[in-house]
Amino acid sequence: MPFKPILSTLLLAASTLLVPPAHAAPTTTVTTATTGKEPITPVQPARVSNRAMVELGKQLFFDPRLSRSGAISCNSCHNLSMGGTDNLKTSIGHQWQQGPINSPTVLNARFNAAQFWDGRAADLKAQAAGPIANPKEMAFSHALAVDVLQSIPGYVAAFRQAFGNDRLGIDEVTQAIAAFEETLVTPNSRFDKWLKGDRKALTRNELDGYKLFKSAGCVACHNGPAVGGNSFQKMGLVAPYLTSNPALGRADVTGREEDRHHFKVPTLRNVELSYPYFHDGAAATLTEAVDTMARLQLGRQFSADENAKVVAFLKTLTGEQPRVSLPLLPPSTGKTPPPRPFDQP
């Protein structure tokens, strides 16, 4: 298939599969700057309006007591010291169960049109509820998680301060976690500095990589502030993507055959940190990922030099990582349900 028809198909698909963002984010806002006609826009720092809720969400994000074992937290799979991922093909869940799919980064996730590879969660709040009750992940229940938090006076006081009332349910738990996750943006990458006018921010090789990234058609799907995350596309548009991973993408949510193997386009922000790549974690390196995407999505065979230039550009998308100090978690009490790491879910 000639390149231009492929690019036209990608652009049409991106426009039809775009999902409007569904962010319920009263506590944090991010202003998106515009930069002329470039398809990528800079990430701006988050502005927090409810600090108490964000701090509560941070505690919950790091608290393993929200899992049956008392050993797994949100940070286990979305490690903020490792680009918001765990750098594993698939994550390790309760009792060392193998997760079904690669954990996407939590960094800049607020820009996603929907959450999870298949888009089954409309926003970060909905996403936060999933792993707690998933028997292959944290293997708890929402009711037990709430029981744990209600038994800890430090949490009861923190919820009251964040919400201004005495409600402490799963809705408040997930809202607080989402409020913290909304702050996890990575501004001031070298590429963003270039977008804002610093012509010395990129090397000639990196700029050549960006030009190729645009001319080859990558920007049809990888655009906006997150450089992705705003549409669903078929994995293997030009040639089939061969994998043993059973995930069907959007088809697992919609049940429609035409959605088979359509996955959310991942963000490319901080992509040098979020290896391995793709929903099955099959690509160990950026070089491998770029080669696969060029062949299967664009019908292009990049030379080694072209591939290296695109990889060099992608590494300029690494921004300032969130400066997060580990929270001091309030202690359990005699009424706190104990962890059960060896129980079957």
C-alpha atoms as a PDB file:
ATOM      1  CA  MET A   1       0.000   0.000   0.000  1.00  0.00           C
ATOM      2  CA  PRO A   2       1.457   3.436  -0.925  1.00  0.00           C
ATOM      3  CA  PHE A   3       2.412   5.692   1.982  1.00  0.00           C
ATOM      4  CA  LYS A   4       0.009   8.568   1.271  1.00  0.00           C
ATOM      5  CA  PRO A   5      -3.148   6.401   1.329  1.00  0.00           C
ATOM      6  CA  ILE A   6      -1.914   4.857   4.606  1.00  0.00           C
ATOM      7  CA  LEU A   7      -1.458   8.311   6.127  1.00  0.00           C
ATOM      8  CA  SER A   8      -4.902   9.369   4.935  1.00  0.00           C
ATOM      9  CA  THR A   9      -6.378   6.234   6.495  1.00  0.00           C
ATOM     10  CA  LEU A  10      -4.626   6.958   9.782  1.00  0.00           C
ATOM     11  CA  LEU A  11      -5.851  10.537   9.858  1.00  0.00           C
ATOM     12  CA  LEU A  12      -9.416   9.432   9.137  1.00  0.00           C
ATOM     13  CA  ALA A  13      -9.241   6.710  11.776  1.00  0.00           C
ATOM     14  CA  ALA A  14      -7.853   9.091  14.345  1.00  0.00           C
ATOM     15  CA  SER A  15     -10.680  11.536  13.754  1.00  0.00           C
ATOM     16  CA  THR A  16     -13.408   8.908  13.961  1.00  0.00           C
ATOM     17  CA  LEU A  17     -11.999   7.053  16.962  1.00  0.00           C
ATOM     18  CA  LEU A  18     -11.245  10.134  19.030  1.00  0.00           C
ATOM     19  CA  VAL A  19     -12.843   9.937  22.465  1.00  0.00           C
ATOM     20  CA  PRO A  20     -13.725  13.170  24.274  1.00  0.00           C
ATOM     21  CA  PRO A  21     -11.879  13.508  27.594  1.00  0.00           C
ATOM     22  CA  ALA A  22     -14.040  12.791  30.628  1.00  0.00           C
ATOM     23  CA  HIS A  23     -12.075  14.341  33.478  1.00  0.00           C
ATOM     24  CA  ALA A  24     -13.853  15.044  36.748  1.00  0.00           C
ATOM     25  CA  ALA A  25     -11.019  17.155  38.116  1.00  0.00           C
ATOM     26  CA  PRO A  26     -12.146  19.922  40.437  1.00  0.00           C
ATOM     27  CA  THR A  27      -8.890  19.858  42.396  1.00  0.00           C
ATOM     28  CA  THR A  28      -6.287  20.239  39.655  1.00  0.00           C
ATOM     29  CA  THR A  29      -6.127  22.071  36.352  1.00  0.00           C
ATOM     30  CA  VAL A  30      -3.547  22.019  33.592  1.00  0.00           C
ATOM     31  CA  THR A  31      -3.391  24.765  31.002  1.00  0.00           C
ATOM     32  CA  THR A  32      -2.424  23.558  27.534  1.00  0.00           C
ATOM     33  CA  ALA A  33      -0.387  26.006  25.506  1.00  0.00           C
ATOM     34  CA  THR A  34      -0.696  26.287  21.759  1.00  0.00           C
ATOM     35  CA  THR A  35       2.374  26.500  19.578  1.00  0.00           C
ATOM     36  CA  GLY A  36       1.534  27.533  16.068  1.00  0.00           C
ATOM     37  CA  LYS A  37       0.771  24.642  13.761  1.00  0.00           C
ATOM     38  CA  GLU A  38       2.771  21.932  15.519  1.00  0.00           C
ATOM     39  CA  PRO A  39       0.689  18.797  16.224  1.00  0.00           C
ATOM     40  CA  ILE A  40       2.242  18.446  19.679  1.00  0.00           C
ATOM     41  CA  THR A  41       1.657  20.994  22.449  1.00  0.00           C
ATOM     42  CA  PRO A  42       3.656  21.562  25.652  1.00  0.00           C
ATOM     43  CA  VAL A  43       2.692  20.108  29.001  1.00  0.00           C
ATOM     44  CA  GLN A  44       2.051  22.784  31.587  1.00  0.00           C
ATOM     45  CA  PRO A  45       2.542  22.390  35.358  1.00  0.00           C
ATOM     46  CA  ALA A  46      -0.531  21.320  37.327  1.00  0.00           C
ATOM     47  CA  ARG A  47      -2.306  23.873  39.488  1.00  0.00           C
ATOM     48  CA  VAL A  48      -3.735  22.441  42.685  1.00  0.00           C
ATOM     49  CA  SER A  49      -6.896  23.916  44.200  1.00  0.00           C
ATOM     50  CA  ASN A  50      -7.476  21.378  46.999  1.00  0.00           C
ATOM     51  CA  ARG A  51      -4.105  20.540  48.546  1.00  0.00           C
ATOM     52  CA  ALA A  52      -5.653  18.446  51.313  1.00  0.00           C
ATOM     53  CA  MET A  53      -7.318  16.145  48.791  1.00  0.00           C
ATOM     54  CA  VAL A  54      -4.130  15.770  46.760  1.00  0.00           C
ATOM     55  CA  GLU A  55      -2.135  14.912  49.889  1.00  0.00           C
ATOM     56  CA  LEU A  56      -4.773  12.370  50.907  1.00  0.00           C
ATOM     57  CA  GLY A  57      -4.677  10.881  47.428  1.00  0.00           C
ATOM     58  CA  LYS A  58      -0.909  10.573  47.662  1.00  0.00           C
ATOM     59  CA  GLN A  59      -1.207   8.628  50.907  1.00  0.00           C
ATOM     60  CA  LEU A  60      -3.759   6.285  49.347  1.00  0.00           C
ATOM     61  CA  PHE A  61      -1.620   5.872  46.204  1.00  0.00           C
ATOM     62  CA  PHE A  62       1.269   4.580  48.313  1.00  0.00           C
ATOM     63  CA  ASP A  63      -0.749   2.625  50.904  1.00  0.00           C
ATOM     64  CA  PRO A  64      -0.522  -1.174  50.443  1.00  0.00           C
ATOM     65  CA  ARG A  65      -3.307  -1.696  52.978  1.00  0.00           C
ATOM     66  CA  LEU A  66      -5.751  -1.178  50.106  1.00  0.00           C
ATOM     67  CA  SER A  67      -4.746  -4.659  48.934  1.00  0.00           C
ATOM     68  CA  ARG A  68      -5.639  -8.053  50.419  1.00  0.00           C
ATOM     69  CA  SER A  69      -1.980  -8.902  50.988  1.00  0.00           C
ATOM     70  CA  GLY A  70      -1.073  -5.568  52.521  1.00  0.00           C
ATOM     71  CA  ALA A  71       1.870  -5.567  50.104  1.00  0.00           C
ATOM     72  CA  ILE A  72       0.587  -4.026  46.845  1.00  0.00           C
ATOM     73  CA  SER A  73      -0.146  -0.337  46.317  1.00  0.00           C
ATOM     74  CA  CYS A  74      -0.922   1.769  43.262  1.00  0.00           C
ATOM     75  CA  ASN A  75       2.768   2.628  43.185  1.00  0.00           C
ATOM     76  CA  SER A  76       3.680  -1.054  42.831  1.00  0.00           C
ATOM     77  CA  CYS A  77       2.594  -1.093  39.191  1.00  0.00           C
ATOM     78  CA  HIS A  78       2.880   2.663  38.545  1.00  0.00           C
ATOM     79  CA  ASN A  79       6.210   3.331  40.201  1.00  0.00           C
ATOM     80  CA  LEU A  80       6.911   7.056  40.273  1.00  0.00           C
ATOM     81  CA  SER A  81      10.633   6.315  40.432  1.00  0.00           C
ATOM     82  CA  MET A  82      10.416   4.390  37.147  1.00  0.00           C
ATOM     83  CA  GLY A  83       8.459   6.614  34.793  1.00  0.00           C
ATOM     84  CA  GLY A  84       5.095   5.735  36.342  1.00  0.00           C
ATOM     85  CA  THR A  85       5.354   2.063  35.325  1.00  0.00           C
ATOM     86  CA  ASP A  86       6.940  -1.142  36.673  1.00  0.00           C
ATOM     87  CA  ASN A  87       9.068  -1.839  33.563  1.00  0.00           C
ATOM     88  CA  LEU A  88       7.656  -5.361  33.360  1.00  0.00           C
ATOM     89  CA  LYS A  89       5.899  -6.987  30.403  1.00  0.00           C
ATOM     90  CA  THR A  90       2.890  -7.532  32.633  1.00  0.00           C
ATOM     91  CA  SER A  91       2.549  -6.629  36.292  1.00  0.00           C
ATOM     92  CA  ILE A  92       2.760  -8.944  39.285  1.00  0.00           C
ATOM     93  CA  GLY A  93      -0.464  -9.192  41.234  1.00  0.00           C
ATOM     94  CA  HIS A  94      -1.747 -10.903  44.378  1.00  0.00           C
ATOM     95  CA  GLN A  95       0.245 -14.043  45.221  1.00  0.00           C
ATOM     96  CA  TRP A  96       2.538 -13.462  42.245  1.00  0.00           C
ATOM     97  CA  GLN A  97      -0.213 -13.809  39.696  1.00  0.00           C
ATOM     98  CA  GLN A  98       0.762 -12.631  36.241  1.00  0.00           C
ATOM     99  CA  GLY A  99      -1.218  -9.632  35.088  1.00  0.00           C
ATOM    100  CA  PRO A 100      -3.012  -9.832  31.748  1.00  0.00           C
ATOM    101  CA  ILE A 101      -1.529  -6.721  30.141  1.00  0.00           C
ATOM    102  CA  ASN A 102       1.282  -4.164  30.329  1.00  0.00           C
ATOM    103  CA  SER A 103       0.784  -1.416  32.925  1.00  0.00           C
ATOM    104  CA  PRO A 104       0.577   1.979  31.185  1.00  0.00           C
ATOM    105  CA  THR A 105       2.300   4.935  32.768  1.00  0.00           C
ATOM    106  CA  VAL A 106       0.375   7.064  35.246  1.00  0.00           C
ATOM    107  CA  LEU A 107       2.404  10.132  34.245  1.00  0.00           C
ATOM    108  CA  ASN A 108       0.309  12.560  32.184  1.00  0.00           C
ATOM    109  CA  ALA A 109      -2.589  10.082  32.360  1.00  0.00           C
ATOM    110  CA  ARG A 110      -4.947  13.012  33.021  1.00  0.00           C
ATOM    111  CA  PHE A 111      -4.672  13.842  29.304  1.00  0.00           C
ATOM    112  CA  ASN A 112      -5.993  10.431  28.223  1.00  0.00           C
ATOM    113  CA  ALA A 113      -9.397  10.351  26.614  1.00  0.00           C
ATOM    114  CA  ALA A 114     -10.102   7.211  28.657  1.00  0.00           C
ATOM    115  CA  GLN A 115      -8.124   4.911  30.936  1.00  0.00           C
ATOM    116  CA  PHE A 116      -6.788   1.365  30.468  1.00  0.00           C
ATOM    117  CA  TRP A 117      -5.632   0.041  27.104  1.00  0.00           C
ATOM    118  CA  ASP A 118      -9.231  -0.826  26.194  1.00  0.00           C
ATOM    119  CA  GLY A 119     -10.690   2.456  27.483  1.00  0.00           C
ATOM    120  CA  ARG A 120     -13.123   0.790  29.878  1.00  0.00           C
ATOM    121  CA  ALA A 121     -12.712   3.543  32.485  1.00  0.00           C
ATOM    122  CA  ALA A 122     -13.907   7.000  31.523  1.00  0.00           C
ATOM    123  CA  ASP A 123     -11.484   8.859  33.784  1.00  0.00           C
ATOM    124  CA  LEU A 124      -8.869   8.507  36.507  1.00  0.00           C
ATOM    125  CA  LYS A 125     -11.504   8.198  39.234  1.00  0.00           C
ATOM    126  CA  ALA A 126     -13.109   5.222  37.505  1.00  0.00           C
ATOM    127  CA  GLN A 127      -9.705   3.696  36.820  1.00  0.00           C
ATOM    128  CA  ALA A 128      -8.649   3.910  40.473  1.00  0.00           C
ATOM    129  CA  ALA A 129     -11.527   1.664  41.505  1.00  0.00           C
ATOM    130  CA  GLY A 130     -10.540  -1.191  39.202  1.00  0.00           C
ATOM    131  CA  PRO A 131      -7.271  -2.624  40.583  1.00  0.00           C
ATOM    132  CA  ILE A 132      -8.437  -2.617  44.227  1.00  0.00           C
ATOM    133  CA  ALA A 133     -11.139  -5.189  43.508  1.00  0.00           C
ATOM    134  CA  ASN A 134      -9.400  -7.073  40.697  1.00  0.00           C
ATOM    135  CA  PRO A 135      -8.557 -10.594  41.954  1.00  0.00           C
ATOM    136  CA  LYS A 136      -5.392 -10.639  39.838  1.00  0.00           C
ATOM    137  CA  GLU A 137      -4.159  -7.285  41.103  1.00  0.00           C
ATOM    138  CA  MET A 138      -4.832  -6.026  44.645  1.00  0.00           C
ATOM    139  CA  ALA A 139      -7.468  -8.747  45.207  1.00  0.00           C
ATOM    140  CA  PHE A 140      -9.433  -6.778  47.799  1.00  0.00           C
ATOM    141  CA  SER A 141     -12.999  -5.491  47.741  1.00  0.00           C
ATOM    142  CA  HIS A 142     -14.213  -1.924  47.856  1.00  0.00           C
ATOM    143  CA  ALA A 143     -16.092  -2.622  51.070  1.00  0.00           C
ATOM    144  CA  LEU A 144     -13.021  -4.068  52.812  1.00  0.00           C
ATOM    145  CA  ALA A 145     -10.826  -1.211  51.604  1.00  0.00           C
ATOM    146  CA  VAL A 146     -13.282   1.277  53.078  1.00  0.00           C
ATOM    147  CA  ASP A 147     -13.418  -0.740  56.323  1.00  0.00           C
ATOM    148  CA  VAL A 148      -9.635  -0.473  56.615  1.00  0.00           C
ATOM    149  CA  LEU A 149      -9.639   3.291  56.110  1.00  0.00           C
ATOM    150  CA  GLN A 150     -12.595   3.878  58.457  1.00  0.00           C
ATOM    151  CA  SER A 151     -10.728   2.013  61.203  1.00  0.00           C
ATOM    152  CA  ILE A 152      -7.770   4.426  61.062  1.00  0.00           C
ATOM    153  CA  PRO A 153      -8.386   7.750  62.831  1.00  0.00           C
ATOM    154  CA  GLY A 154      -5.684   9.501  60.842  1.00  0.00           C
ATOM    155  CA  TYR A 155      -7.498   8.692  57.599  1.00  0.00           C
ATOM    156  CA  VAL A 156     -10.910   9.646  58.984  1.00  0.00           C
ATOM    157  CA  ALA A 157      -9.516  13.078  59.848  1.00  0.00           C
ATOM    158  CA  ALA A 158      -7.782  13.415  56.482  1.00  0.00           C
ATOM    159  CA  PHE A 159     -10.984  12.627  54.570  1.00  0.00           C
ATOM    160  CA  ARG A 160     -12.900  15.130  56.675  1.00  0.00           C
ATOM    161  CA  GLN A 161     -10.318  17.820  55.902  1.00  0.00           C
ATOM    162  CA  ALA A 162     -10.270  17.018  52.168  1.00  0.00           C
ATOM    163  CA  PHE A 163     -14.027  16.737  51.621  1.00  0.00           C
ATOM    164  CA  GLY A 164     -15.456  18.928  54.361  1.00  0.00           C
ATOM    165  CA  ASN A 165     -17.806  16.199  55.598  1.00  0.00           C
ATOM    166  CA  ASP A 166     -17.775  12.794  57.287  1.00  0.00           C
ATOM    167  CA  ARG A 167     -18.318  10.684  54.175  1.00  0.00           C
ATOM    168  CA  LEU A 168     -15.689   7.995  53.599  1.00  0.00           C
ATOM    169  CA  GLY A 169     -16.698   5.604  50.860  1.00  0.00           C
ATOM    170  CA  ILE A 170     -15.169   4.210  47.699  1.00  0.00           C
ATOM    171  CA  ASP A 171     -16.262   7.303  45.755  1.00  0.00           C
ATOM    172  CA  GLU A 172     -14.241   9.528  48.069  1.00  0.00           C
ATOM    173  CA  VAL A 173     -11.292   7.101  47.971  1.00  0.00           C
ATOM    174  CA  THR A 174     -11.101   7.047  44.183  1.00  0.00           C
ATOM    175  CA  GLN A 175     -11.711  10.779  43.886  1.00  0.00           C
ATOM    176  CA  ALA A 176      -8.762  11.469  46.177  1.00  0.00           C
ATOM    177  CA  ILE A 177      -6.462   9.068  44.312  1.00  0.00           C
ATOM    178  CA  ALA A 178      -7.486  10.689  41.027  1.00  0.00           C
ATOM    179  CA  ALA A 179      -6.803  14.151  42.438  1.00  0.00           C
ATOM    180  CA  PHE A 180      -3.230  13.101  43.226  1.00  0.00           C
ATOM    181  CA  GLU A 181      -2.750  11.415  39.854  1.00  0.00           C
ATOM    182  CA  GLU A 182      -3.935  14.563  38.082  1.00  0.00           C
ATOM    183  CA  THR A 183      -0.853  16.341  39.445  1.00  0.00           C
ATOM    184  CA  LEU A 184       1.532  13.804  37.893  1.00  0.00           C
ATOM    185  CA  VAL A 185       2.409  15.780  34.790  1.00  0.00           C
ATOM    186  CA  THR A 186       5.893  16.193  33.345  1.00  0.00           C
ATOM    187  CA  PRO A 187       6.456  19.693  31.939  1.00  0.00           C
ATOM    188  CA  ASN A 188       9.622  21.320  30.615  1.00  0.00           C
ATOM    189  CA  SER A 189      10.950  18.534  28.436  1.00  0.00           C
ATOM    190  CA  ARG A 190      13.604  19.659  25.981  1.00  0.00           C
ATOM    191  CA  PHE A 191      11.064  19.267  23.209  1.00  0.00           C
ATOM    192  CA  ASP A 192       8.613  21.512  25.039  1.00  0.00           C
ATOM    193  CA  LYS A 193      11.344  24.116  25.415  1.00  0.00           C
ATOM    194  CA  TRP A 194      11.854  23.926  21.649  1.00  0.00           C
ATOM    195  CA  LEU A 195       8.115  24.327  21.091  1.00  0.00           C
ATOM    196  CA  LYS A 196       8.193  27.438  23.257  1.00  0.00           C
ATOM    197  CA  GLY A 197      10.896  29.035  21.159  1.00  0.00           C
ATOM    198  CA  ASP A 198      14.249  27.735  22.405  1.00  0.00           C
ATOM    199  CA  ARG A 199      15.801  26.826  19.081  1.00  0.00           C
ATOM    200  CA  LYS A 200      18.889  25.418  20.844  1.00  0.00           C
ATOM    201  CA  ALA A 201      16.924  22.908  22.903  1.00  0.00           C
ATOM    202  CA  LEU A 202      17.213  20.183  20.244  1.00  0.00           C
ATOM    203  CA  THR A 203      20.211  18.903  18.331  1.00  0.00           C
ATOM    204  CA  ARG A 204      20.123  18.664  14.549  1.00  0.00           C
ATOM    205  CA  ASN A 205      19.783  14.885  14.826  1.00  0.00           C
ATOM    206  CA  GLU A 206      16.816  15.170  17.199  1.00  0.00           C
ATOM    207  CA  LEU A 207      15.136  17.765  15.020  1.00  0.00           C
ATOM    208  CA  ASP A 208      15.597  15.533  11.982  1.00  0.00           C
ATOM    209  CA  GLY A 209      13.919  12.777  13.987  1.00  0.00           C
ATOM    210  CA  TYR A 210      10.949  15.019  14.715  1.00  0.00           C
ATOM    211  CA  LYS A 211      10.628  15.966  11.050  1.00  0.00           C
ATOM    212  CA  LEU A 212      10.635  12.278  10.117  1.00  0.00           C
ATOM    213  CA  PHE A 213       8.134  11.575  12.914  1.00  0.00           C
ATOM    214  CA  LYS A 214       5.801  14.065  11.242  1.00  0.00           C
ATOM    215  CA  SER A 215       6.433  13.233   7.592  1.00  0.00           C
ATOM    216  CA  ALA A 216       6.135   9.470   8.153  1.00  0.00           C
ATOM    217  CA  GLY A 217       2.660   9.931   9.658  1.00  0.00           C
ATOM    218  CA  CYS A 218       3.317   9.150  13.333  1.00  0.00           C
ATOM    219  CA  VAL A 219       1.561  12.379  14.338  1.00  0.00           C
ATOM    220  CA  ALA A 220      -1.728  11.119  12.932  1.00  0.00           C
ATOM    221  CA  CYS A 221      -2.109   9.214  16.214  1.00  0.00           C
ATOM    222  CA  HIS A 222       0.595  10.686  18.446  1.00  0.00           C
ATOM    223  CA  ASN A 223      -0.343  14.327  18.922  1.00  0.00           C
ATOM    224  CA  GLY A 224      -1.606  16.788  21.522  1.00  0.00           C
ATOM    225  CA  PRO A 225      -0.021  17.462  24.919  1.00  0.00           C
ATOM    226  CA  ALA A 226       0.439  13.767  25.764  1.00  0.00           C
ATOM    227  CA  VAL A 227       1.656  12.868  22.246  1.00  0.00           C
ATOM    228  CA  GLY A 228      -1.030  10.191  22.214  1.00  0.00           C
ATOM    229  CA  GLY A 229      -3.729   8.909  24.543  1.00  0.00           C
ATOM    230  CA  ASN A 230      -6.594  10.573  22.680  1.00  0.00           C
ATOM    231  CA  SER A 231      -7.731   7.860  20.262  1.00  0.00           C
ATOM    232  CA  PHE A 232      -8.039   4.112  19.721  1.00  0.00           C
ATOM    233  CA  GLN A 233      -6.286   2.504  16.767  1.00  0.00           C
ATOM    234  CA  LYS A 234      -5.926  -0.981  15.365  1.00  0.00           C
ATOM    235  CA  MET A 235      -2.676  -2.664  16.317  1.00  0.00           C
ATOM    236  CA  GLY A 236      -1.444  -3.952  12.983  1.00  0.00           C
ATOM    237  CA  LEU A 237      -3.011  -1.621  10.434  1.00  0.00           C
ATOM    238  CA  VAL A 238      -0.851  -2.555   7.431  1.00  0.00           C
ATOM    239  CA  ALA A 239       0.227  -6.027   8.545  1.00  0.00           C
ATOM    240  CA  PRO A 240      -1.060  -8.217  11.401  1.00  0.00           C
ATOM    241  CA  TYR A 241       0.495  -7.823  14.831  1.00  0.00           C
ATOM    242  CA  LEU A 242       1.392 -11.301  16.083  1.00  0.00           C
ATOM    243  CA  THR A 243       1.126 -11.819  19.821  1.00  0.00           C
ATOM    244  CA  SER A 244       0.144 -14.502  22.291  1.00  0.00           C
ATOM    245  CA  ASN A 245      -1.550 -11.930  24.513  1.00  0.00           C
ATOM    246  CA  PRO A 246      -5.319 -12.616  24.508  1.00  0.00           C
ATOM    247  CA  ALA A 247      -6.426  -8.993  24.987  1.00  0.00           C
ATOM    248  CA  LEU A 248      -8.806  -7.814  22.256  1.00  0.00           C
ATOM    249  CA  GLY A 249      -8.690  -4.098  23.055  1.00  0.00           C
ATOM    250  CA  ARG A 250     -11.919  -2.143  22.608  1.00  0.00           C
ATOM    251  CA  ALA A 251     -13.719  -5.335  21.545  1.00  0.00           C
ATOM    252  CA  ASP A 252     -13.437  -6.579  25.136  1.00  0.00           C
ATOM    253  CA  VAL A 253     -15.549  -3.565  26.129  1.00  0.00           C
ATOM    254  CA  THR A 254     -17.926  -3.121  23.209  1.00  0.00           C
ATOM    255  CA  GLY A 255     -18.252  -6.730  22.035  1.00  0.00           C
ATOM    256  CA  ARG A 256     -18.011  -5.495  18.455  1.00  0.00           C
ATOM    257  CA  GLU A 257     -15.877  -7.388  15.976  1.00  0.00           C
ATOM    258  CA  GLU A 258     -14.803  -4.171  14.285  1.00  0.00           C
ATOM    259  CA  ASP A 259     -13.152  -3.094  17.545  1.00  0.00           C
ATOM    260  CA  ARG A 260     -10.954  -6.181  17.735  1.00  0.00           C
ATOM    261  CA  HIS A 261      -7.324  -5.269  18.466  1.00  0.00           C
ATOM    262  CA  HIS A 262      -8.083  -1.557  18.688  1.00  0.00           C
ATOM    263  CA  PHE A 263      -6.126  -0.206  21.641  1.00  0.00           C
ATOM    264  CA  LYS A 264      -5.725   3.225  23.137  1.00  0.00           C
ATOM    265  CA  VAL A 265      -2.771   4.974  21.561  1.00  0.00           C
ATOM    266  CA  PRO A 266      -0.235   5.330  24.386  1.00  0.00           C
ATOM    267  CA  THR A 267       1.353   8.616  25.368  1.00  0.00           C
ATOM    268  CA  LEU A 268       4.926   9.062  24.177  1.00  0.00           C
ATOM    269  CA  ARG A 269       5.795  11.457  26.971  1.00  0.00           C
ATOM    270  CA  ASN A 270       8.721  10.007  28.973  1.00  0.00           C
ATOM    271  CA  VAL A 271       8.695   7.028  26.647  1.00  0.00           C
ATOM    272  CA  GLU A 272      12.371   6.284  27.228  1.00  0.00           C
ATOM    273  CA  LEU A 273      11.397   5.479  30.841  1.00  0.00           C
ATOM    274  CA  SER A 274       8.252   3.417  30.257  1.00  0.00           C
ATOM    275  CA  TYR A 275       9.656   0.289  28.609  1.00  0.00           C
ATOM    276  CA  PRO A 276       8.764  -2.382  27.625  1.00  0.00           C
ATOM    277  CA  TYR A 277       6.333  -1.227  24.960  1.00  0.00           C
ATOM    278  CA  PHE A 278       2.898  -2.112  23.531  1.00  0.00           C
ATOM    279  CA  HIS A 279      -0.046  -3.659  25.353  1.00  0.00           C
ATOM    280  CA  ASP A 280       1.786  -6.983  25.609  1.00  0.00           C
ATOM    281  CA  GLY A 281       5.152  -5.486  26.547  1.00  0.00           C
ATOM    282  CA  ALA A 282       6.738  -7.300  23.619  1.00  0.00           C
ATOM    283  CA  ALA A 283       9.115  -4.536  22.485  1.00  0.00           C
ATOM    284  CA  ALA A 284      12.005  -4.263  24.933  1.00  0.00           C
ATOM    285  CA  THR A 285      13.603  -1.169  23.416  1.00  0.00           C
ATOM    286  CA  LEU A 286      12.574   2.016  21.655  1.00  0.00           C
ATOM    287  CA  THR A 287      14.524   0.929  18.595  1.00  0.00           C
ATOM    288  CA  GLU A 288      12.435  -2.242  18.380  1.00  0.00           C
ATOM    289  CA  ALA A 289       9.194  -0.364  19.036  1.00  0.00           C
ATOM    290  CA  VAL A 290       9.879   2.250  16.359  1.00  0.00           C
ATOM    291  CA  ASP A 291      10.728  -0.451  13.821  1.00  0.00           C
ATOM    292  CA  THR A 292       7.535  -2.396  14.571  1.00  0.00           C
ATOM    293  CA  MET A 293       5.291   0.666  14.432  1.00  0.00           C
ATOM    294  CA  ALA A 294       6.824   1.880  11.169  1.00  0.00           C
ATOM    295  CA  ARG A 295       6.281  -1.476   9.488  1.00  0.00           C
ATOM    296  CA  LEU A 296       2.890  -2.500  10.870  1.00  0.00           C
ATOM    297  CA  GLN A 297       1.192   0.879  11.164  1.00  0.00           C
ATOM    298  CA  LEU A 298       2.776   2.945   8.395  1.00  0.00           C
ATOM    299  CA  GLY A 299       4.074   0.420   5.888  1.00  0.00           C
ATOM    300  CA  ARG A 300       7.562   1.910   6.226  1.00  0.00           C
ATOM    301  CA  GLN A 301      10.913   0.221   6.685  1.00  0.00           C
ATOM    302  CA  PHE A 302      13.096   2.755   8.454  1.00  0.00           C
ATOM    303  CA  SER A 303      16.814   2.551   7.896  1.00  0.00           C
ATOM    304  CA  ALA A 304      19.001   2.211  10.976  1.00  0.00           C
ATOM    305  CA  ASP A 305      19.847   5.907  10.675  1.00  0.00           C
ATOM    306  CA  GLU A 306      16.186   6.932  10.375  1.00  0.00           C
ATOM    307  CA  ASN A 307      15.235   4.763  13.327  1.00  0.00           C
ATOM    308  CA  ALA A 308      18.009   6.260  15.436  1.00  0.00           C
ATOM    309  CA  LYS A 309      16.856   9.776  14.595  1.00  0.00           C
ATOM    310  CA  VAL A 310      13.259   9.046  15.630  1.00  0.00           C
ATOM    311  CA  VAL A 311      14.476   7.450  18.859  1.00  0.00           C
ATOM    312  CA  ALA A 312      16.643  10.505  19.538  1.00  0.00           C
ATOM    313  CA  PHE A 313      13.582  12.732  19.115  1.00  0.00           C
ATOM    314  CA  LEU A 314      11.434  10.549  21.370  1.00  0.00           C
ATOM    315  CA  LYS A 315      13.964  10.881  24.173  1.00  0.00           C
ATOM    316  CA  THR A 316      13.506  14.668  24.095  1.00  0.00           C
ATOM    317  CA  LEU A 317       9.936  14.103  25.323  1.00  0.00           C
ATOM    318  CA  THR A 318      11.168  13.193  28.812  1.00  0.00           C
ATOM    319  CA  GLY A 319      10.022  15.983  31.097  1.00  0.00           C
ATOM    320  CA  GLU A 320      10.578  16.967  34.693  1.00  0.00           C
ATOM    321  CA  GLN A 321       9.539  14.015  36.824  1.00  0.00           C
ATOM    322  CA  PRO A 322       7.105  14.694  39.679  1.00  0.00           C
ATOM    323  CA  ARG A 323       8.918  15.515  42.901  1.00  0.00           C
ATOM    324  CA  VAL A 324       7.006  13.325  45.319  1.00  0.00           C
ATOM    325  CA  SER A 325       8.136  12.784  48.899  1.00  0.00           C
ATOM    326  CA  LEU A 326       7.064   9.485  50.425  1.00  0.00           C
ATOM    327  CA  PRO A 327       4.044  10.105  52.666  1.00  0.00           C
ATOM    328  CA  LEU A 328       3.930   9.069  56.306  1.00  0.00           C
ATOM    329  CA  LEU A 329       0.930   6.749  56.472  1.00  0.00           C
ATOM    330  CA  PRO A 330      -1.361   6.870  59.522  1.00  0.00           C
ATOM    331  CA  PRO A 331      -0.996   3.750  61.709  1.00  0.00           C
ATOM    332  CA  SER A 332      -3.511   0.953  61.856  1.00  0.00           C
ATOM    333  CA  THR A 333      -5.475   0.258  65.032  1.00  0.00           C
ATOM    334  CA  GLY A 334      -6.796  -2.824  66.780  1.00  0.00           C
ATOM    335  CA  LYS A 335      -9.959  -2.472  64.680  1.00  0.00           C
ATOM    336  CA  THR A 336      -8.118  -2.463  61.351  1.00  0.00           C
ATOM    337  CA  PRO A 337      -8.715  -5.668  59.341  1.00  0.00           C
ATOM    338  CA  PRO A 338      -5.314  -7.403  59.096  1.00  0.00           C
ATOM    339  CA  PRO A 339      -3.666  -8.146  55.749  1.00  0.00           C
ATOM    340  CA  ARG A 340      -4.082 -11.671  54.424  1.00  0.00           C
ATOM    341  CA  PRO A 341      -1.177 -12.194  52.010  1.00  0.00           C
ATOM    342  CA  PHE A 342      -1.590 -15.952  51.763  1.00  0.00           C
ATOM    343  CA  ASP A 343      -5.367 -16.144  51.373  1.00  0.00           C
ATOM    344  CA  GLN A 344      -6.821 -17.053  48.029  1.00  0.00           C
ATOM    345  CA  PRO A 345      -8.700 -14.116  46.428  1.00  0.00           C
END
